[in-house]
Amino acid sequence: MTPQRIRDVGEILGREGLAERAQEIMQEAINSGSYKKVIEAVGRLTVIHKACGYDVYWKEKASIGQGKEIIEMNHIYRTNQKEQS
């Protein structure tokens, strides 16, 4: 599926539909109790993130979430580096 088609589906679903899809994916992963299913859900959510590209506001919200996780990963990395020193 092309990036444009993914954004088109985002537009079809709209803000609420995209949020509902994300909730469904996360809930399925949580309910499974499987680390593998959780990581699979991460992959699925990246497609939802791309679909948010149809809407400037939703794209911004998704990017904010991505930025928050990058900050968290940087914190984990720095903490790990200090522990190894």
PDB file of N, CA and C in Angstrom:
ATOM      1  N   MET A   1       0.858  -1.175   0.000  1.00  0.00           N
ATOM      2  CA  MET A   1       0.000   0.000   0.000  1.00  0.00           C
ATOM      3  C   MET A   1       0.900   1.234   0.000  1.00  0.00           C
ATOM      4  N   THR A   2       0.602   2.158  -0.842  1.00  0.00           N
ATOM      5  CA  THR A   2       1.418   3.370  -0.942  1.00  0.00           C
ATOM      6  C   THR A   2       1.140   4.300   0.240  1.00  0.00           C
ATOM      7  N   PRO A   3       2.121   5.168   0.548  1.00  0.00           N
ATOM      8  CA  PRO A   3       1.886   6.143   1.620  1.00  0.00           C
ATOM      9  C   PRO A   3       0.645   7.000   1.378  1.00  0.00           C
ATOM     10  N   GLN A   4       0.404   7.368   0.125  1.00  0.00           N
ATOM     11  CA  GLN A   4      -0.781   8.185  -0.175  1.00  0.00           C
ATOM     12  C   GLN A   4      -2.056   7.412   0.107  1.00  0.00           C
ATOM     13  N   ARG A   5      -2.072   6.152  -0.243  1.00  0.00           N
ATOM     14  CA  ARG A   5      -3.277   5.349  -0.004  1.00  0.00           C
ATOM     15  C   ARG A   5      -3.512   5.177   1.503  1.00  0.00           C
ATOM     16  N   ILE A   6      -2.437   5.029   2.268  1.00  0.00           N
ATOM     17  CA  ILE A   6      -2.564   4.926   3.724  1.00  0.00           C
ATOM     18  C   ILE A   6      -3.180   6.216   4.274  1.00  0.00           C
ATOM     19  N   ARG A   7      -2.709   7.372   3.781  1.00  0.00           N
ATOM     20  CA  ARG A   7      -3.291   8.654   4.217  1.00  0.00           C
ATOM     21  C   ARG A   7      -4.754   8.765   3.780  1.00  0.00           C
ATOM     22  N   ASP A   8      -5.072   8.234   2.578  1.00  0.00           N
ATOM     23  CA  ASP A   8      -6.464   8.247   2.114  1.00  0.00           C
ATOM     24  C   ASP A   8      -7.359   7.452   3.055  1.00  0.00           C
ATOM     25  N   VAL A   9      -6.869   6.307   3.509  1.00  0.00           N
ATOM     26  CA  VAL A   9      -7.639   5.501   4.461  1.00  0.00           C
ATOM     27  C   VAL A   9      -7.781   6.267   5.776  1.00  0.00           C
ATOM     28  N   GLY A  10      -6.729   6.987   6.167  1.00  0.00           N
ATOM     29  CA  GLY A  10      -6.818   7.831   7.349  1.00  0.00           C
ATOM     30  C   GLY A  10      -7.937   8.846   7.218  1.00  0.00           C
ATOM     31  N   GLU A  11      -8.047   9.435   6.051  1.00  0.00           N
ATOM     32  CA  GLU A  11      -9.111  10.415   5.813  1.00  0.00           C
ATOM     33  C   GLU A  11     -10.489   9.752   5.851  1.00  0.00           C
ATOM     34  N   ILE A  12     -10.570   8.540   5.301  1.00  0.00           N
ATOM     35  CA  ILE A  12     -11.841   7.803   5.330  1.00  0.00           C
ATOM     36  C   ILE A  12     -12.254   7.529   6.777  1.00  0.00           C
ATOM     37  N   LEU A  13     -11.304   7.068   7.583  1.00  0.00           N
ATOM     38  CA  LEU A  13     -11.603   6.742   8.986  1.00  0.00           C
ATOM     39  C   LEU A  13     -11.835   7.986   9.827  1.00  0.00           C
ATOM     40  N   GLY A  14     -11.107   9.052   9.512  1.00  0.00           N
ATOM     41  CA  GLY A  14     -11.211  10.278  10.282  1.00  0.00           C
ATOM     42  C   GLY A  14     -10.517  10.155  11.631  1.00  0.00           C
ATOM     43  N   ARG A  15     -10.517  11.233  12.371  1.00  0.00           N
ATOM     44  CA  ARG A  15      -9.837  11.268  13.672  1.00  0.00           C
ATOM     45  C   ARG A  15     -10.366  10.190  14.613  1.00  0.00           C
ATOM     46  N   GLU A  16     -11.679  10.142  14.750  1.00  0.00           N
ATOM     47  CA  GLU A  16     -12.276   9.182  15.684  1.00  0.00           C
ATOM     48  C   GLU A  16     -11.997   7.748  15.244  1.00  0.00           C
ATOM     49  N   GLY A  17     -12.129   7.480  13.965  1.00  0.00           N
ATOM     50  CA  GLY A  17     -11.896   6.130  13.461  1.00  0.00           C
ATOM     51  C   GLY A  17     -10.463   5.673  13.650  1.00  0.00           C
ATOM     52  N   LEU A  18      -9.526   6.582  13.417  1.00  0.00           N
ATOM     53  CA  LEU A  18      -8.119   6.234  13.636  1.00  0.00           C
ATOM     54  C   LEU A  18      -7.849   5.952  15.112  1.00  0.00           C
ATOM     55  N   ALA A  19      -8.425   6.784  15.975  1.00  0.00           N
ATOM     56  CA  ALA A  19      -8.246   6.579  17.410  1.00  0.00           C
ATOM     57  C   ALA A  19      -8.868   5.246  17.842  1.00  0.00           C
ATOM     58  N   GLU A  20     -10.023   4.926  17.304  1.00  0.00           N
ATOM     59  CA  GLU A  20     -10.660   3.651  17.629  1.00  0.00           C
ATOM     60  C   GLU A  20      -9.825   2.469  17.151  1.00  0.00           C
ATOM     61  N   ARG A  21      -9.266   2.557  15.938  1.00  0.00           N
ATOM     62  CA  ARG A  21      -8.399   1.481  15.426  1.00  0.00           C
ATOM     63  C   ARG A  21      -7.213   1.302  16.358  1.00  0.00           C
ATOM     64  N   ALA A  22      -6.585   2.401  16.763  1.00  0.00           N
ATOM     65  CA  ALA A  22      -5.426   2.325  17.654  1.00  0.00           C
ATOM     66  C   ALA A  22      -5.821   1.683  18.980  1.00  0.00           C
ATOM     67  N   GLN A  23      -6.959   2.069  19.523  1.00  0.00           N
ATOM     68  CA  GLN A  23      -7.430   1.479  20.776  1.00  0.00           C
ATOM     69  C   GLN A  23      -7.664  -0.018  20.629  1.00  0.00           C
ATOM     70  N   GLU A  24      -8.287  -0.419  19.530  1.00  0.00           N
ATOM     71  CA  GLU A  24      -8.542  -1.842  19.286  1.00  0.00           C
ATOM     72  C   GLU A  24      -7.236  -2.631  19.216  1.00  0.00           C
ATOM     73  N   ILE A  25      -6.277  -2.095  18.494  1.00  0.00           N
ATOM     74  CA  ILE A  25      -4.981  -2.763  18.345  1.00  0.00           C
ATOM     75  C   ILE A  25      -4.299  -2.895  19.703  1.00  0.00           C
ATOM     76  N   MET A  26      -4.284  -1.814  20.473  1.00  0.00           N
ATOM     77  CA  MET A  26      -3.641  -1.850  21.788  1.00  0.00           C
ATOM     78  C   MET A  26      -4.356  -2.807  22.726  1.00  0.00           C
ATOM     79  N   GLN A  27      -5.681  -2.789  22.713  1.00  0.00           N
ATOM     80  CA  GLN A  27      -6.445  -3.662  23.605  1.00  0.00           C
ATOM     81  C   GLN A  27      -6.219  -5.130  23.257  1.00  0.00           C
ATOM     82  N   GLU A  28      -6.212  -5.456  21.966  1.00  0.00           N
ATOM     83  CA  GLU A  28      -5.935  -6.833  21.546  1.00  0.00           C
ATOM     84  C   GLU A  28      -4.570  -7.283  22.059  1.00  0.00           C
ATOM     85  N   ALA A  29      -3.584  -6.424  21.936  1.00  0.00           N
ATOM     86  CA  ALA A  29      -2.225  -6.760  22.364  1.00  0.00           C
ATOM     87  C   ALA A  29      -2.166  -6.958  23.873  1.00  0.00           C
ATOM     88  N   ILE A  30      -2.788  -6.067  24.611  1.00  0.00           N
ATOM     89  CA  ILE A  30      -2.794  -6.166  26.075  1.00  0.00           C
ATOM     90  C   ILE A  30      -3.514  -7.431  26.512  1.00  0.00           C
ATOM     91  N   ASN A  31      -4.655  -7.698  25.914  1.00  0.00           N
ATOM     92  CA  ASN A  31      -5.446  -8.870  26.288  1.00  0.00           C
ATOM     93  C   ASN A  31      -4.754 -10.179  25.944  1.00  0.00           C
ATOM     94  N   SER A  32      -3.893 -10.161  24.944  1.00  0.00           N
ATOM     95  CA  SER A  32      -3.218 -11.396  24.530  1.00  0.00           C
ATOM     96  C   SER A  32      -2.230 -11.882  25.584  1.00  0.00           C
ATOM     97  N   GLY A  33      -1.657 -10.943  26.351  1.00  0.00           N
ATOM     98  CA  GLY A  33      -0.658 -11.317  27.340  1.00  0.00           C
ATOM     99  C   GLY A  33       0.651 -11.773  26.718  1.00  0.00           C
ATOM    100  N   SER A  34       0.828 -11.509  25.451  1.00  0.00           N
ATOM    101  CA  SER A  34       2.000 -11.980  24.716  1.00  0.00           C
ATOM    102  C   SER A  34       2.900 -10.808  24.337  1.00  0.00           C
ATOM    103  N   TYR A  35       4.182 -10.912  24.694  1.00  0.00           N
ATOM    104  CA  TYR A  35       5.145  -9.883  24.273  1.00  0.00           C
ATOM    105  C   TYR A  35       5.211  -9.805  22.751  1.00  0.00           C
ATOM    106  N   LYS A  36       5.130 -10.944  22.091  1.00  0.00           N
ATOM    107  CA  LYS A  36       5.190 -10.967  20.624  1.00  0.00           C
ATOM    108  C   LYS A  36       4.020 -10.196  20.019  1.00  0.00           C
ATOM    109  N   LYS A  37       2.841 -10.390  20.577  1.00  0.00           N
ATOM    110  CA  LYS A  37       1.661  -9.681  20.068  1.00  0.00           C
ATOM    111  C   LYS A  37       1.759  -8.177  20.334  1.00  0.00           C
ATOM    112  N   VAL A  38       2.377  -7.807  21.448  1.00  0.00           N
ATOM    113  CA  VAL A  38       2.563  -6.387  21.752  1.00  0.00           C
ATOM    114  C   VAL A  38       3.476  -5.749  20.712  1.00  0.00           C
ATOM    115  N   ILE A  39       4.572  -6.415  20.389  1.00  0.00           N
ATOM    116  CA  ILE A  39       5.497  -5.866  19.398  1.00  0.00           C
ATOM    117  C   ILE A  39       4.851  -5.854  18.014  1.00  0.00           C
ATOM    118  N   GLU A  40       4.048  -6.861  17.720  1.00  0.00           N
ATOM    119  CA  GLU A  40       3.298  -6.862  16.459  1.00  0.00           C
ATOM    120  C   GLU A  40       2.363  -5.648  16.415  1.00  0.00           C
ATOM    121  N   ALA A  41       1.745  -5.329  17.547  1.00  0.00           N
ATOM    122  CA  ALA A  41       0.862  -4.167  17.625  1.00  0.00           C
ATOM    123  C   ALA A  41       1.633  -2.876  17.368  1.00  0.00           C
ATOM    124  N   VAL A  42       2.872  -2.829  17.833  1.00  0.00           N
ATOM    125  CA  VAL A  42       3.711  -1.646  17.565  1.00  0.00           C
ATOM    126  C   VAL A  42       3.826  -1.437  16.060  1.00  0.00           C
ATOM    127  N   GLY A  43       4.066  -2.511  15.334  1.00  0.00           N
ATOM    128  CA  GLY A  43       4.140  -2.409  13.878  1.00  0.00           C
ATOM    129  C   GLY A  43       2.845  -1.923  13.264  1.00  0.00           C
ATOM    130  N   ARG A  44       1.732  -2.439  13.766  1.00  0.00           N
ATOM    131  CA  ARG A  44       0.428  -2.014  13.259  1.00  0.00           C
ATOM    132  C   ARG A  44       0.184  -0.539  13.553  1.00  0.00           C
ATOM    133  N   LEU A  45       0.610  -0.100  14.737  1.00  0.00           N
ATOM    134  CA  LEU A  45       0.408   1.296  15.118  1.00  0.00           C
ATOM    135  C   LEU A  45       1.241   2.254  14.275  1.00  0.00           C
ATOM    136  N   THR A  46       2.372   1.781  13.739  1.00  0.00           N
ATOM    137  CA  THR A  46       3.150   2.650  12.849  1.00  0.00           C
ATOM    138  C   THR A  46       2.351   2.981  11.586  1.00  0.00           C
ATOM    139  N   VAL A  47       1.509   2.043  11.158  1.00  0.00           N
ATOM    140  CA  VAL A  47       0.658   2.310   9.993  1.00  0.00           C
ATOM    141  C   VAL A  47      -0.415   3.332  10.361  1.00  0.00           C
ATOM    142  N   ILE A  48      -0.972   3.223  11.566  1.00  0.00           N
ATOM    143  CA  ILE A  48      -1.937   4.223  12.038  1.00  0.00           C
ATOM    144  C   ILE A  48      -1.269   5.594  12.087  1.00  0.00           C
ATOM    145  N   HIS A  49      -0.014   5.637  12.573  1.00  0.00           N
ATOM    146  CA  HIS A  49       0.737   6.890  12.617  1.00  0.00           C
ATOM    147  C   HIS A  49       0.854   7.486  11.218  1.00  0.00           C
ATOM    148  N   LYS A  50       1.162   6.667  10.235  1.00  0.00           N
ATOM    149  CA  LYS A  50       1.264   7.156   8.847  1.00  0.00           C
ATOM    150  C   LYS A  50      -0.090   7.636   8.334  1.00  0.00           C
ATOM    151  N   ALA A  51      -1.153   6.929   8.705  1.00  0.00           N
ATOM    152  CA  ALA A  51      -2.492   7.316   8.262  1.00  0.00           C
ATOM    153  C   ALA A  51      -2.896   8.672   8.836  1.00  0.00           C
ATOM    154  N   CYS A  52      -2.341   9.024   9.985  1.00  0.00           N
ATOM    155  CA  CYS A  52      -2.623  10.337  10.586  1.00  0.00           C
ATOM    156  C   CYS A  52      -2.090  11.482   9.724  1.00  0.00           C
ATOM    157  N   GLY A  53      -1.245  11.169   8.762  1.00  0.00           N
ATOM    158  CA  GLY A  53      -0.664  12.190   7.900  1.00  0.00           C
ATOM    159  C   GLY A  53      -1.663  12.948   7.052  1.00  0.00           C
ATOM    160  N   TYR A  54      -2.885  12.433   6.948  1.00  0.00           N
ATOM    161  CA  TYR A  54      -3.902  13.149   6.168  1.00  0.00           C
ATOM    162  C   TYR A  54      -4.348  14.425   6.868  1.00  0.00           C
ATOM    163  N   ASP A  55      -4.148  14.504   8.183  1.00  0.00           N
ATOM    164  CA  ASP A  55      -4.694  15.582   9.006  1.00  0.00           C
ATOM    165  C   ASP A  55      -3.551  16.241   9.778  1.00  0.00           C
ATOM    166  N   VAL A  56      -3.361  17.518   9.598  1.00  0.00           N
ATOM    167  CA  VAL A  56      -2.242  18.224  10.221  1.00  0.00           C
ATOM    168  C   VAL A  56      -2.261  18.075  11.746  1.00  0.00           C
ATOM    169  N   TYR A  57      -3.418  18.242  12.345  1.00  0.00           N
ATOM    170  CA  TYR A  57      -3.511  18.175  13.808  1.00  0.00           C
ATOM    171  C   TYR A  57      -3.215  16.767  14.317  1.00  0.00           C
ATOM    172  N   TRP A  58      -3.823  15.755  13.687  1.00  0.00           N
ATOM    173  CA  TRP A  58      -3.609  14.379  14.139  1.00  0.00           C
ATOM    174  C   TRP A  58      -2.167  13.952  13.899  1.00  0.00           C
ATOM    175  N   LYS A  59      -1.593  14.399  12.798  1.00  0.00           N
ATOM    176  CA  LYS A  59      -0.183  14.109  12.515  1.00  0.00           C
ATOM    177  C   LYS A  59       0.695  14.716  13.604  1.00  0.00           C
ATOM    178  N   GLU A  60       0.383  15.945  14.013  1.00  0.00           N
ATOM    179  CA  GLU A  60       1.133  16.610  15.076  1.00  0.00           C
ATOM    180  C   GLU A  60       1.011  15.838  16.392  1.00  0.00           C
ATOM    181  N   LYS A  61      -0.207  15.388  16.732  1.00  0.00           N
ATOM    182  CA  LYS A  61      -0.408  14.634  17.971  1.00  0.00           C
ATOM    183  C   LYS A  61       0.390  13.325  17.941  1.00  0.00           C
ATOM    184  N   ALA A  62       0.389  12.639  16.811  1.00  0.00           N
ATOM    185  CA  ALA A  62       1.145  11.390  16.689  1.00  0.00           C
ATOM    186  C   ALA A  62       2.645  11.664  16.800  1.00  0.00           C
ATOM    187  N   SER A  63       3.097  12.750  16.213  1.00  0.00           N
ATOM    188  CA  SER A  63       4.513  13.110  16.280  1.00  0.00           C
ATOM    189  C   SER A  63       4.924  13.497  17.700  1.00  0.00           C
ATOM    190  N   ILE A  64       4.034  14.126  18.429  1.00  0.00           N
ATOM    191  CA  ILE A  64       4.313  14.463  19.837  1.00  0.00           C
ATOM    192  C   ILE A  64       4.528  13.175  20.625  1.00  0.00           C
ATOM    193  N   GLY A  65       3.669  12.191  20.412  1.00  0.00           N
ATOM    194  CA  GLY A  65       3.826  10.907  21.086  1.00  0.00           C
ATOM    195  C   GLY A  65       5.137  10.233  20.727  1.00  0.00           C
ATOM    196  N   GLN A  66       5.503  10.304  19.467  1.00  0.00           N
ATOM    197  CA  GLN A  66       6.774   9.735  19.024  1.00  0.00           C
ATOM    198  C   GLN A  66       7.938  10.459  19.695  1.00  0.00           C
ATOM    199  N   GLY A  67       7.854  11.758  19.777  1.00  0.00           N
ATOM    200  CA  GLY A  67       8.903  12.544  20.431  1.00  0.00           C
ATOM    201  C   GLY A  67       9.029  12.213  21.907  1.00  0.00           C
ATOM    202  N   LYS A  68       7.893  12.009  22.576  1.00  0.00           N
ATOM    203  CA  LYS A  68       7.928  11.645  24.000  1.00  0.00           C
ATOM    204  C   LYS A  68       8.632  10.307  24.199  1.00  0.00           C
ATOM    205  N   GLU A  69       8.398   9.379  23.298  1.00  0.00           N
ATOM    206  CA  GLU A  69       9.047   8.072  23.431  1.00  0.00           C
ATOM    207  C   GLU A  69      10.545   8.172  23.127  1.00  0.00           C
ATOM    208  N   ILE A  70      10.929   9.029  22.212  1.00  0.00           N
ATOM    209  CA  ILE A  70      12.357   9.251  21.936  1.00  0.00           C
ATOM    210  C   ILE A  70      13.033   9.809  23.183  1.00  0.00           C
ATOM    211  N   ILE A  71      12.385  10.742  23.862  1.00  0.00           N
ATOM    212  CA  ILE A  71      12.932  11.289  25.106  1.00  0.00           C
ATOM    213  C   ILE A  71      13.103  10.176  26.131  1.00  0.00           C
ATOM    214  N   GLU A  72      12.095   9.318  26.263  1.00  0.00           N
ATOM    215  CA  GLU A  72      12.169   8.200  27.208  1.00  0.00           C
ATOM    216  C   GLU A  72      13.312   7.244  26.844  1.00  0.00           C
ATOM    217  N   MET A  73      13.464   6.953  25.564  1.00  0.00           N
ATOM    218  CA  MET A  73      14.551   6.069  25.117  1.00  0.00           C
ATOM    219  C   MET A  73      15.914   6.697  25.408  1.00  0.00           C
ATOM    220  N   ASN A  74      16.026   8.004  25.206  1.00  0.00           N
ATOM    221  CA  ASN A  74      17.283   8.698  25.529  1.00  0.00           C
ATOM    222  C   ASN A  74      17.591   8.593  27.017  1.00  0.00           C
ATOM    223  N   HIS A  75      16.570   8.718  27.849  1.00  0.00           N
ATOM    224  CA  HIS A  75      16.747   8.591  29.304  1.00  0.00           C
ATOM    225  C   HIS A  75      17.235   7.186  29.653  1.00  0.00           C
ATOM    226  N   ILE A  76      16.624   6.175  29.071  1.00  0.00           N
ATOM    227  CA  ILE A  76      17.039   4.788  29.317  1.00  0.00           C
ATOM    228  C   ILE A  76      18.487   4.595  28.883  1.00  0.00           C
ATOM    229  N   TYR A  77      18.839   5.123  27.736  1.00  0.00           N
ATOM    230  CA  TYR A  77      20.204   4.992  27.223  1.00  0.00           C
ATOM    231  C   TYR A  77      21.207   5.648  28.177  1.00  0.00           C
ATOM    232  N   ARG A  78      20.913   6.897  28.590  1.00  0.00           N
ATOM    233  CA  ARG A  78      21.830   7.604  29.492  1.00  0.00           C
ATOM    234  C   ARG A  78      21.965   6.891  30.821  1.00  0.00           C
ATOM    235  N   THR A  79      20.859   6.389  31.355  1.00  0.00           N
ATOM    236  CA  THR A  79      20.902   5.654  32.617  1.00  0.00           C
ATOM    237  C   THR A  79      21.759   4.404  32.480  1.00  0.00           C
ATOM    238  N   ASN A  80      21.617   3.705  31.391  1.00  0.00           N
ATOM    239  CA  ASN A  80      22.396   2.508  31.130  1.00  0.00           C
ATOM    240  C   ASN A  80      23.891   2.846  31.004  1.00  0.00           C
ATOM    241  N   GLN A  81      24.199   3.939  30.363  1.00  0.00           N
ATOM    242  CA  GLN A  81      25.613   4.344  30.207  1.00  0.00           C
ATOM    243  C   GLN A  81      26.242   4.657  31.556  1.00  0.00           C
ATOM    244  N   LYS A  82      25.483   5.327  32.439  1.00  0.00           N
ATOM    245  CA  LYS A  82      25.990   5.650  33.768  1.00  0.00           C
ATOM    246  C   LYS A  82      26.243   4.383  34.581  1.00  0.00           C
ATOM    247  N   GLU A  83      25.350   3.412  34.455  1.00  0.00           N
ATOM    248  CA  GLU A  83      25.496   2.164  35.197  1.00  0.00           C
ATOM    249  C   GLU A  83      26.696   1.363  34.718  1.00  0.00           C
ATOM    250  N   GLN A  84      27.058   1.496  33.464  1.00  0.00           N
ATOM    251  CA  GLN A  84      28.191   0.756  32.912  1.00  0.00           C
ATOM    252  C   GLN A  84      29.513   1.420  33.241  1.00  0.00           C
ATOM    253  N   SER A  85      29.474   2.684  33.661  1.00  0.00           N
ATOM    254  CA  SER A  85      30.715   3.421  33.967  1.00  0.00           C
ATOM    255  C   SER A  85      31.271   3.041  35.315  1.00  0.00           C
TER     256      SER A  85
END
